[in-house]
């Protein structure tokens, strides 16, 4: 479900999208649910100014018509973005990543990313149709990903506080270490029967700032979250755009899933042979 994304930012800034509906908030910025609600709040500005203009200003030459991938790092002013502009040209934004994310900038320049997430200690994970890029992941998460690459690729990685994480794979397998930091989410991860009733978990985001805060989406088009109360009405507006999946990620036809895995493995092998460093943590 690449059309769903929730990015936690510094000081309660956030970006959330589902299909053409999206919302963002950066404190002291005109807050917007697009379309069609506009609101204002006041406090310290934390949403990066260039990002705000691209998202909000229709007169901007590269005004965002559709955001493919928007992610904010824990450092103020640092973010990555791939989007379709109003002129129907696709753009990517590696220039606001800074020196600590040079590998991610190179990966973004090599192809459109579908989902990027940042975490503590300048960690990140990013995926595109042809590869993966990451750095400073918890050792247990990196081991989980590398051990499973021959079976399938992760389509969602969530990075939380204290080395916690959740990973969702193309074959609907889930892996996680939450260390009792996100009890509201743990309930769904531990209860396979409840997940099956909701057609599996298809997306999850963890707050890397506050233990217990999360956002999770199910294949039946529903979502659950534990977020600051001031976000609830706005997130509910975006969630209304969600539609049930015809099949959950793990319920795809065997032939289709096998072909997707083979395509990814071929791309991974090609990039490794070419020594494209963004396929490696080091």
C-alpha atoms as a PDB file:
ATOM      1  CA  UNK A   1       0.000   0.000   0.000  1.00  0.00           C
ATOM      2  CA  UNK A   2       2.482   2.614  -1.241  1.00  0.00           C
ATOM      3  CA  UNK A   3      -0.220   5.290  -1.404  1.00  0.00           C
ATOM      4  CA  UNK A   4      -0.391   5.446   2.428  1.00  0.00           C
ATOM      5  CA  UNK A   5       2.325   7.135   4.478  1.00  0.00           C
ATOM      6  CA  UNK A   6       2.668   8.772   7.886  1.00  0.00           C
ATOM      7  CA  UNK A   7       5.859  10.686   8.679  1.00  0.00           C
ATOM      8  CA  UNK A   8       6.541  11.906  12.216  1.00  0.00           C
ATOM      9  CA  UNK A   9       8.547  15.140  12.389  1.00  0.00           C
ATOM     10  CA  UNK A  10      10.187  17.228  15.123  1.00  0.00           C
ATOM     11  CA  UNK A  11       7.939  18.996  17.662  1.00  0.00           C
ATOM     12  CA  UNK A  12       4.746  17.217  16.550  1.00  0.00           C
ATOM     13  CA  UNK A  13       5.182  18.128  12.887  1.00  0.00           C
ATOM     14  CA  UNK A  14       3.796  15.412  10.635  1.00  0.00           C
ATOM     15  CA  UNK A  15       2.805  14.470   7.101  1.00  0.00           C
ATOM     16  CA  UNK A  16       0.115  11.893   6.306  1.00  0.00           C
ATOM     17  CA  UNK A  17      -1.288  10.846   2.942  1.00  0.00           C
ATOM     18  CA  UNK A  18      -3.715   8.410   1.383  1.00  0.00           C
ATOM     19  CA  UNK A  19      -4.187   8.542  -2.383  1.00  0.00           C
ATOM     20  CA  UNK A  20      -4.882  12.183  -3.297  1.00  0.00           C
ATOM     21  CA  UNK A  21      -5.767  13.176   0.280  1.00  0.00           C
ATOM     22  CA  UNK A  22      -2.977  14.443   2.503  1.00  0.00           C
ATOM     23  CA  UNK A  23      -2.465  16.528   5.613  1.00  0.00           C
ATOM     24  CA  UNK A  24       0.515  18.171   7.241  1.00  0.00           C
ATOM     25  CA  UNK A  25       1.295  20.321  10.201  1.00  0.00           C
ATOM     26  CA  UNK A  26       4.479  22.148  11.086  1.00  0.00           C
ATOM     27  CA  UNK A  27       3.589  24.613  13.842  1.00  0.00           C
ATOM     28  CA  UNK A  28       3.067  28.298  13.010  1.00  0.00           C
ATOM     29  CA  UNK A  29       2.306  27.267   9.444  1.00  0.00           C
ATOM     30  CA  UNK A  30      -0.998  27.367   7.603  1.00  0.00           C
ATOM     31  CA  UNK A  31      -2.097  23.805   8.291  1.00  0.00           C
ATOM     32  CA  UNK A  32      -3.781  22.076   5.408  1.00  0.00           C
ATOM     33  CA  UNK A  33      -5.763  18.995   4.598  1.00  0.00           C
ATOM     34  CA  UNK A  34      -5.646  18.815   0.806  1.00  0.00           C
ATOM     35  CA  UNK A  35      -8.379  18.843  -0.405  1.00  0.00           C
ATOM     36  CA  UNK A  36     -10.261  20.842   0.893  1.00  0.00           C
ATOM     37  CA  UNK A  37      -9.795  22.032   4.546  1.00  0.00           C
ATOM     38  CA  UNK A  38      -7.462  24.850   5.551  1.00  0.00           C
ATOM     39  CA  UNK A  39      -6.707  25.802   9.161  1.00  0.00           C
ATOM     40  CA  UNK A  40      -4.197  27.873  11.068  1.00  0.00           C
ATOM     41  CA  UNK A  41      -2.269  27.150  14.228  1.00  0.00           C
ATOM     42  CA  UNK A  42       0.448  29.108  15.992  1.00  0.00           C
ATOM     43  CA  UNK A  43       3.694  28.092  17.637  1.00  0.00           C
ATOM     44  CA  UNK A  44       7.306  27.548  16.603  1.00  0.00           C
ATOM     45  CA  UNK A  45       7.905  26.792  12.918  1.00  0.00           C
ATOM     46  CA  UNK A  46       9.287  23.264  12.523  1.00  0.00           C
ATOM     47  CA  UNK A  47       8.144  22.101   9.086  1.00  0.00           C
ATOM     48  CA  UNK A  48      11.027  22.790   6.672  1.00  0.00           C
ATOM     49  CA  UNK A  49      10.273  25.979   4.752  1.00  0.00           C
ATOM     50  CA  UNK A  50      11.072  24.539   1.269  1.00  0.00           C
ATOM     51  CA  UNK A  51       8.817  21.569   1.990  1.00  0.00           C
ATOM     52  CA  UNK A  52       6.014  23.844   3.150  1.00  0.00           C
ATOM     53  CA  UNK A  53       6.159  25.896  -0.064  1.00  0.00           C
ATOM     54  CA  UNK A  54       6.101  22.849  -2.342  1.00  0.00           C
ATOM     55  CA  UNK A  55       3.153  21.349  -0.461  1.00  0.00           C
ATOM     56  CA  UNK A  56       1.173  24.504   0.080  1.00  0.00           C
ATOM     57  CA  UNK A  57       1.862  27.264  -2.435  1.00  0.00           C
ATOM     58  CA  UNK A  58      -0.037  26.689  -5.724  1.00  0.00           C
ATOM     59  CA  UNK A  59       2.000  29.475  -7.298  1.00  0.00           C
ATOM     60  CA  UNK A  60       5.238  27.611  -6.669  1.00  0.00           C
ATOM     61  CA  UNK A  61       6.717  26.364  -9.954  1.00  0.00           C
ATOM     62  CA  UNK A  62       7.095  22.862  -8.489  1.00  0.00           C
ATOM     63  CA  UNK A  63       3.870  22.831  -6.452  1.00  0.00           C
ATOM     64  CA  UNK A  64       3.059  19.269  -5.409  1.00  0.00           C
ATOM     65  CA  UNK A  65       0.242  17.666  -7.374  1.00  0.00           C
ATOM     66  CA  UNK A  66       0.851  14.210  -5.895  1.00  0.00           C
ATOM     67  CA  UNK A  67       3.412  13.205  -3.231  1.00  0.00           C
ATOM     68  CA  UNK A  68       5.015   9.822  -3.831  1.00  0.00           C
ATOM     69  CA  UNK A  69       7.279   9.846  -0.782  1.00  0.00           C
ATOM     70  CA  UNK A  70       7.659  12.462   1.979  1.00  0.00           C
ATOM     71  CA  UNK A  71       9.756  11.835   5.084  1.00  0.00           C
ATOM     72  CA  UNK A  72      11.143  14.108   7.800  1.00  0.00           C
ATOM     73  CA  UNK A  73      14.300  13.262   9.729  1.00  0.00           C
ATOM     74  CA  UNK A  74      14.601  13.870  13.457  1.00  0.00           C
ATOM     75  CA  UNK A  75      16.936  16.799  12.821  1.00  0.00           C
ATOM     76  CA  UNK A  76      14.925  19.986  12.119  1.00  0.00           C
ATOM     77  CA  UNK A  77      15.000  21.050   8.470  1.00  0.00           C
ATOM     78  CA  UNK A  78      16.108  17.661   7.129  1.00  0.00           C
ATOM     79  CA  UNK A  79      13.747  15.792   4.811  1.00  0.00           C
ATOM     80  CA  UNK A  80      13.485  13.781   1.588  1.00  0.00           C
ATOM     81  CA  UNK A  81      10.769  13.917  -1.051  1.00  0.00           C
ATOM     82  CA  UNK A  82       9.712  12.550  -4.444  1.00  0.00           C
ATOM     83  CA  UNK A  83       6.629  14.147  -6.007  1.00  0.00           C
ATOM     84  CA  UNK A  84       4.654  14.905  -9.151  1.00  0.00           C
ATOM     85  CA  UNK A  85       4.434  18.663  -9.682  1.00  0.00           C
ATOM     86  CA  UNK A  86       1.577  20.677 -11.158  1.00  0.00           C
ATOM     87  CA  UNK A  87       3.435  20.731 -14.490  1.00  0.00           C
ATOM     88  CA  UNK A  88       3.287  16.892 -14.519  1.00  0.00           C
ATOM     89  CA  UNK A  89       7.052  16.624 -14.062  1.00  0.00           C
ATOM     90  CA  UNK A  90       8.442  14.354 -11.344  1.00  0.00           C
ATOM     91  CA  UNK A  91      10.935  15.877  -8.933  1.00  0.00           C
ATOM     92  CA  UNK A  92      13.070  14.578  -6.098  1.00  0.00           C
ATOM     93  CA  UNK A  93      14.626  16.524  -3.241  1.00  0.00           C
ATOM     94  CA  UNK A  94      18.057  15.328  -2.040  1.00  0.00           C
ATOM     95  CA  UNK A  95      19.464  18.782  -1.278  1.00  0.00           C
ATOM     96  CA  UNK A  96      17.896  19.107   2.177  1.00  0.00           C
ATOM     97  CA  UNK A  97      19.312  15.872   3.558  1.00  0.00           C
ATOM     98  CA  UNK A  98      22.621  17.303   4.764  1.00  0.00           C
ATOM     99  CA  UNK A  99      25.983  15.527   5.081  1.00  0.00           C
ATOM    100  CA  UNK A 100      24.766  12.740   7.372  1.00  0.00           C
ATOM    101  CA  UNK A 101      22.468  11.281   4.716  1.00  0.00           C
ATOM    102  CA  UNK A 102      24.750  11.403   1.664  1.00  0.00           C
ATOM    103  CA  UNK A 103      24.060   7.750   0.874  1.00  0.00           C
ATOM    104  CA  UNK A 104      20.316   8.367   0.871  1.00  0.00           C
ATOM    105  CA  UNK A 105      20.772  11.386  -1.403  1.00  0.00           C
ATOM    106  CA  UNK A 106      22.623   9.181  -3.902  1.00  0.00           C
ATOM    107  CA  UNK A 107      19.929   6.523  -3.690  1.00  0.00           C
ATOM    108  CA  UNK A 108      17.150   9.048  -4.267  1.00  0.00           C
ATOM    109  CA  UNK A 109      18.966  10.466  -7.287  1.00  0.00           C
ATOM    110  CA  UNK A 110      19.149   6.966  -8.795  1.00  0.00           C
ATOM    111  CA  UNK A 111      15.394   6.401  -8.907  1.00  0.00           C
ATOM    112  CA  UNK A 112      11.997   7.321  -7.502  1.00  0.00           C
ATOM    113  CA  UNK A 113      11.562   6.200  -3.911  1.00  0.00           C
ATOM    114  CA  UNK A 114       8.242   4.761  -2.811  1.00  0.00           C
ATOM    115  CA  UNK A 115       8.688   5.005   0.956  1.00  0.00           C
ATOM    116  CA  UNK A 116      11.360   6.477   3.230  1.00  0.00           C
ATOM    117  CA  UNK A 117      11.448   6.512   7.020  1.00  0.00           C
ATOM    118  CA  UNK A 118      13.887   8.120   9.458  1.00  0.00           C
ATOM    119  CA  UNK A 119      14.677   7.017  12.992  1.00  0.00           C
ATOM    120  CA  UNK A 120      16.982   7.700  15.934  1.00  0.00           C
ATOM    121  CA  UNK A 121      20.757   7.976  15.591  1.00  0.00           C
ATOM    122  CA  UNK A 122      20.492   9.172  11.990  1.00  0.00           C
ATOM    123  CA  UNK A 123      19.023   5.880  10.886  1.00  0.00           C
ATOM    124  CA  UNK A 124      16.831   5.530   7.820  1.00  0.00           C
ATOM    125  CA  UNK A 125      15.332   2.972   5.485  1.00  0.00           C
ATOM    126  CA  UNK A 126      14.234   3.744   1.925  1.00  0.00           C
ATOM    127  CA  UNK A 127      12.865   1.619  -0.911  1.00  0.00           C
ATOM    128  CA  UNK A 128      12.335   2.025  -4.626  1.00  0.00           C
ATOM    129  CA  UNK A 129      11.177  -0.328  -7.363  1.00  0.00           C
ATOM    130  CA  UNK A 130      14.761  -1.505  -7.902  1.00  0.00           C
ATOM    131  CA  UNK A 131      16.461  -1.397  -4.547  1.00  0.00           C
ATOM    132  CA  UNK A 132      16.793  -0.618  -0.877  1.00  0.00           C
ATOM    133  CA  UNK A 133      18.970   1.781   1.076  1.00  0.00           C
ATOM    134  CA  UNK A 134      19.581   2.018   4.809  1.00  0.00           C
ATOM    135  CA  UNK A 135      22.007   3.098   7.493  1.00  0.00           C
ATOM    136  CA  UNK A 136      22.403   2.840  11.266  1.00  0.00           C
ATOM    137  CA  UNK A 137      19.517   0.408  11.663  1.00  0.00           C
ATOM    138  CA  UNK A 138      19.245  -1.608  14.883  1.00  0.00           C
ATOM    139  CA  UNK A 139      21.395  -4.718  14.435  1.00  0.00           C
ATOM    140  CA  UNK A 140      18.406  -7.026  14.922  1.00  0.00           C
ATOM    141  CA  UNK A 141      16.467  -5.259  12.161  1.00  0.00           C
ATOM    142  CA  UNK A 142      19.345  -5.305   9.701  1.00  0.00           C
ATOM    143  CA  UNK A 143      19.820  -9.017  10.333  1.00  0.00           C
ATOM    144  CA  UNK A 144      16.114  -9.658   9.793  1.00  0.00           C
ATOM    145  CA  UNK A 145      16.114  -7.795   6.478  1.00  0.00           C
ATOM    146  CA  UNK A 146      19.283  -9.343   5.065  1.00  0.00           C
ATOM    147  CA  UNK A 147      18.242 -12.860   6.097  1.00  0.00           C
ATOM    148  CA  UNK A 148      14.937 -12.517   4.256  1.00  0.00           C
ATOM    149  CA  UNK A 149      16.059 -10.818   1.039  1.00  0.00           C
ATOM    150  CA  UNK A 150      16.167 -14.147  -0.782  1.00  0.00           C
ATOM    151  CA  UNK A 151      12.514 -14.718   0.118  1.00  0.00           C
ATOM    152  CA  UNK A 152      11.108 -11.254  -0.509  1.00  0.00           C
ATOM    153  CA  UNK A 153      11.560  -7.594   0.147  1.00  0.00           C
ATOM    154  CA  UNK A 154      10.302  -5.381   2.957  1.00  0.00           C
ATOM    155  CA  UNK A 155       7.663  -2.925   1.762  1.00  0.00           C
ATOM    156  CA  UNK A 156       7.361  -1.091   5.103  1.00  0.00           C
ATOM    157  CA  UNK A 157       9.866  -0.438   7.874  1.00  0.00           C
ATOM    158  CA  UNK A 158       8.961   1.503  11.027  1.00  0.00           C
ATOM    159  CA  UNK A 159      11.668   2.870  13.338  1.00  0.00           C
ATOM    160  CA  UNK A 160      10.784   3.726  16.937  1.00  0.00           C
ATOM    161  CA  UNK A 161      12.384   4.735  20.210  1.00  0.00           C
ATOM    162  CA  UNK A 162      15.105   2.717  21.898  1.00  0.00           C
ATOM    163  CA  UNK A 163      15.922   0.459  18.948  1.00  0.00           C
ATOM    164  CA  UNK A 164      12.320  -0.675  18.399  1.00  0.00           C
ATOM    165  CA  UNK A 165      11.094  -1.540  14.925  1.00  0.00           C
ATOM    166  CA  UNK A 166       8.450  -3.262  12.790  1.00  0.00           C
ATOM    167  CA  UNK A 167       8.933  -4.676   9.288  1.00  0.00           C
ATOM    168  CA  UNK A 168       6.271  -5.823   6.811  1.00  0.00           C
ATOM    169  CA  UNK A 169       7.297  -8.013   3.873  1.00  0.00           C
ATOM    170  CA  UNK A 170       5.740  -8.600   0.475  1.00  0.00           C
ATOM    171  CA  UNK A 171       4.617 -12.094   1.489  1.00  0.00           C
ATOM    172  CA  UNK A 172       2.730 -10.550   4.465  1.00  0.00           C
ATOM    173  CA  UNK A 173       5.273 -11.772   7.001  1.00  0.00           C
ATOM    174  CA  UNK A 174       5.732  -9.451   9.976  1.00  0.00           C
ATOM    175  CA  UNK A 175       8.787  -9.030  12.183  1.00  0.00           C
ATOM    176  CA  UNK A 176       9.091  -6.727  15.162  1.00  0.00           C
ATOM    177  CA  UNK A 177      10.867  -5.819  18.357  1.00  0.00           C
ATOM    178  CA  UNK A 178       8.824  -3.345  20.388  1.00  0.00           C
ATOM    179  CA  UNK A 179      10.212  -3.999  23.882  1.00  0.00           C
ATOM    180  CA  UNK A 180       6.849  -3.057  25.447  1.00  0.00           C
ATOM    181  CA  UNK A 181       7.239   0.517  24.147  1.00  0.00           C
ATOM    182  CA  UNK A 182       4.102   0.464  21.933  1.00  0.00           C
ATOM    183  CA  UNK A 183       1.499  -1.621  23.817  1.00  0.00           C
ATOM    184  CA  UNK A 184      -1.424  -0.409  21.697  1.00  0.00           C
ATOM    185  CA  UNK A 185       0.230  -1.738  18.545  1.00  0.00           C
ATOM    186  CA  UNK A 186       1.562  -4.852  20.255  1.00  0.00           C
ATOM    187  CA  UNK A 187      -2.031  -6.031  20.731  1.00  0.00           C
ATOM    188  CA  UNK A 188      -2.503  -6.315  16.960  1.00  0.00           C
ATOM    189  CA  UNK A 189       0.905  -7.832  16.292  1.00  0.00           C
ATOM    190  CA  UNK A 190       0.327 -10.569  18.869  1.00  0.00           C
ATOM    191  CA  UNK A 191      -3.216 -11.390  17.710  1.00  0.00           C
ATOM    192  CA  UNK A 192      -3.122 -13.131  14.332  1.00  0.00           C
ATOM    193  CA  UNK A 193      -6.870 -13.790  14.446  1.00  0.00           C
ATOM    194  CA  UNK A 194      -7.649 -10.087  14.794  1.00  0.00           C
ATOM    195  CA  UNK A 195      -5.196  -9.216  11.998  1.00  0.00           C
ATOM    196  CA  UNK A 196      -6.860 -11.748   9.713  1.00  0.00           C
ATOM    197  CA  UNK A 197     -10.299 -10.273  10.443  1.00  0.00           C
ATOM    198  CA  UNK A 198      -8.955  -6.932   9.233  1.00  0.00           C
ATOM    199  CA  UNK A 199      -7.274  -8.451   6.150  1.00  0.00           C
ATOM    200  CA  UNK A 200      -3.761  -8.169   7.605  1.00  0.00           C
ATOM    201  CA  UNK A 201      -1.594  -5.195   8.544  1.00  0.00           C
ATOM    202  CA  UNK A 202      -0.483  -3.367   5.397  1.00  0.00           C
ATOM    203  CA  UNK A 203       1.264  -0.293   6.824  1.00  0.00           C
ATOM    204  CA  UNK A 204       2.658   0.853  10.156  1.00  0.00           C
ATOM    205  CA  UNK A 205       4.570   3.887  11.430  1.00  0.00           C
ATOM    206  CA  UNK A 206       6.175   4.374  14.847  1.00  0.00           C
ATOM    207  CA  UNK A 207       6.994   7.681  16.464  1.00  0.00           C
ATOM    208  CA  UNK A 208      10.770   7.840  17.017  1.00  0.00           C
ATOM    209  CA  UNK A 209      10.147  10.660  19.511  1.00  0.00           C
ATOM    210  CA  UNK A 210       7.464   9.369  21.890  1.00  0.00           C
ATOM    211  CA  UNK A 211       7.051   5.754  22.981  1.00  0.00           C
ATOM    212  CA  UNK A 212       3.523   4.481  22.456  1.00  0.00           C
ATOM    213  CA  UNK A 213       2.612   6.690  19.498  1.00  0.00           C
ATOM    214  CA  UNK A 214       1.912   4.792  16.277  1.00  0.00           C
ATOM    215  CA  UNK A 215      -0.237   4.648  13.135  1.00  0.00           C
ATOM    216  CA  UNK A 216      -1.325   1.330  11.592  1.00  0.00           C
ATOM    217  CA  UNK A 217      -3.421   0.523   8.502  1.00  0.00           C
ATOM    218  CA  UNK A 218      -5.218  -2.739   7.750  1.00  0.00           C
ATOM    219  CA  UNK A 219      -6.133  -4.360   4.461  1.00  0.00           C
ATOM    220  CA  UNK A 220      -9.851  -3.821   5.048  1.00  0.00           C
ATOM    221  CA  UNK A 221      -9.339  -0.063   4.734  1.00  0.00           C
ATOM    222  CA  UNK A 222      -9.424   0.725   8.453  1.00  0.00           C
ATOM    223  CA  UNK A 223      -6.750   2.290  10.629  1.00  0.00           C
ATOM    224  CA  UNK A 224      -5.854   2.562  14.306  1.00  0.00           C
ATOM    225  CA  UNK A 225      -3.525   5.018  16.002  1.00  0.00           C
ATOM    226  CA  UNK A 226      -2.294   6.488  19.213  1.00  0.00           C
ATOM    227  CA  UNK A 227      -1.447  10.098  18.378  1.00  0.00           C
ATOM    228  CA  UNK A 228      -1.721  13.500  20.071  1.00  0.00           C
ATOM    229  CA  UNK A 229      -5.389  14.447  20.344  1.00  0.00           C
ATOM    230  CA  UNK A 230      -4.934  17.552  18.194  1.00  0.00           C
ATOM    231  CA  UNK A 231      -4.082  15.294  15.237  1.00  0.00           C
ATOM    232  CA  UNK A 232      -7.163  13.070  15.475  1.00  0.00           C
ATOM    233  CA  UNK A 233      -9.714  15.032  13.437  1.00  0.00           C
ATOM    234  CA  UNK A 234      -7.220  15.654  10.660  1.00  0.00           C
ATOM    235  CA  UNK A 235      -5.988  12.070  10.480  1.00  0.00           C
ATOM    236  CA  UNK A 236      -9.592  10.856  10.441  1.00  0.00           C
ATOM    237  CA  UNK A 237     -10.233  13.062   7.410  1.00  0.00           C
ATOM    238  CA  UNK A 238      -7.361  11.454   5.508  1.00  0.00           C
ATOM    239  CA  UNK A 239      -8.252   7.932   6.649  1.00  0.00           C
ATOM    240  CA  UNK A 240     -11.705   8.321   5.092  1.00  0.00           C
ATOM    241  CA  UNK A 241      -9.977   8.146   1.695  1.00  0.00           C
ATOM    242  CA  UNK A 242      -8.785   4.594   2.393  1.00  0.00           C
ATOM    243  CA  UNK A 243     -10.383   1.709   0.551  1.00  0.00           C
ATOM    244  CA  UNK A 244     -10.176  -2.019   1.293  1.00  0.00           C
ATOM    245  CA  UNK A 245      -7.597  -3.948  -0.663  1.00  0.00           C
ATOM    246  CA  UNK A 246      -8.954  -6.619  -2.967  1.00  0.00           C
ATOM    247  CA  UNK A 247      -6.348  -8.885  -1.412  1.00  0.00           C
ATOM    248  CA  UNK A 248      -3.969  -8.298   1.466  1.00  0.00           C
ATOM    249  CA  UNK A 249      -0.276  -8.197   0.661  1.00  0.00           C
ATOM    250  CA  UNK A 250       0.194 -11.860   1.539  1.00  0.00           C
ATOM    251  CA  UNK A 251      -2.898 -12.996  -0.377  1.00  0.00           C
ATOM    252  CA  UNK A 252      -1.594 -12.183  -3.822  1.00  0.00           C
ATOM    253  CA  UNK A 253      -1.479 -15.008  -6.320  1.00  0.00           C
ATOM    254  CA  UNK A 254       1.613 -17.235  -5.909  1.00  0.00           C
ATOM    255  CA  UNK A 255       2.693 -16.563  -9.500  1.00  0.00           C
ATOM    256  CA  UNK A 256       2.404 -12.807  -9.034  1.00  0.00           C
ATOM    257  CA  UNK A 257       4.286 -12.840  -5.743  1.00  0.00           C
ATOM    258  CA  UNK A 258       7.017 -15.063  -7.201  1.00  0.00           C
ATOM    259  CA  UNK A 259       7.440 -12.796 -10.219  1.00  0.00           C
ATOM    260  CA  UNK A 260       7.669  -9.700  -8.004  1.00  0.00           C
ATOM    261  CA  UNK A 261      10.311 -11.395  -5.859  1.00  0.00           C
ATOM    262  CA  UNK A 262      12.295 -12.529  -8.905  1.00  0.00           C
ATOM    263  CA  UNK A 263      12.183  -9.027 -10.381  1.00  0.00           C
ATOM    264  CA  UNK A 264      13.488  -7.556  -7.147  1.00  0.00           C
ATOM    265  CA  UNK A 265      16.235 -10.164  -6.753  1.00  0.00           C
ATOM    266  CA  UNK A 266      17.398  -9.514 -10.315  1.00  0.00           C
ATOM    267  CA  UNK A 267      17.548  -5.776  -9.643  1.00  0.00           C
ATOM    268  CA  UNK A 268      19.382  -6.366  -6.360  1.00  0.00           C
ATOM    269  CA  UNK A 269      21.918  -8.665  -8.016  1.00  0.00           C
ATOM    270  CA  UNK A 270      22.494  -6.200 -10.855  1.00  0.00           C
ATOM    271  CA  UNK A 271      23.106  -3.323  -8.464  1.00  0.00           C
ATOM    272  CA  UNK A 272      25.433  -5.389  -6.292  1.00  0.00           C
ATOM    273  CA  UNK A 273      27.494  -6.428  -9.307  1.00  0.00           C
ATOM    274  CA  UNK A 274      27.698  -2.768 -10.320  1.00  0.00           C
ATOM    275  CA  UNK A 275      28.877  -2.000  -6.760  1.00  0.00           C
ATOM    276  CA  UNK A 276      26.129   0.525  -6.159  1.00  0.00           C
ATOM    277  CA  UNK A 277      26.879   1.183  -2.525  1.00  0.00           C
ATOM    278  CA  UNK A 278      23.314   2.086  -1.554  1.00  0.00           C
ATOM    279  CA  UNK A 279      22.453  -1.591  -1.448  1.00  0.00           C
ATOM    280  CA  UNK A 280      24.773  -1.966   1.525  1.00  0.00           C
ATOM    281  CA  UNK A 281      24.756  -0.546   4.993  1.00  0.00           C
ATOM    282  CA  UNK A 282      28.518  -0.048   4.874  1.00  0.00           C
END
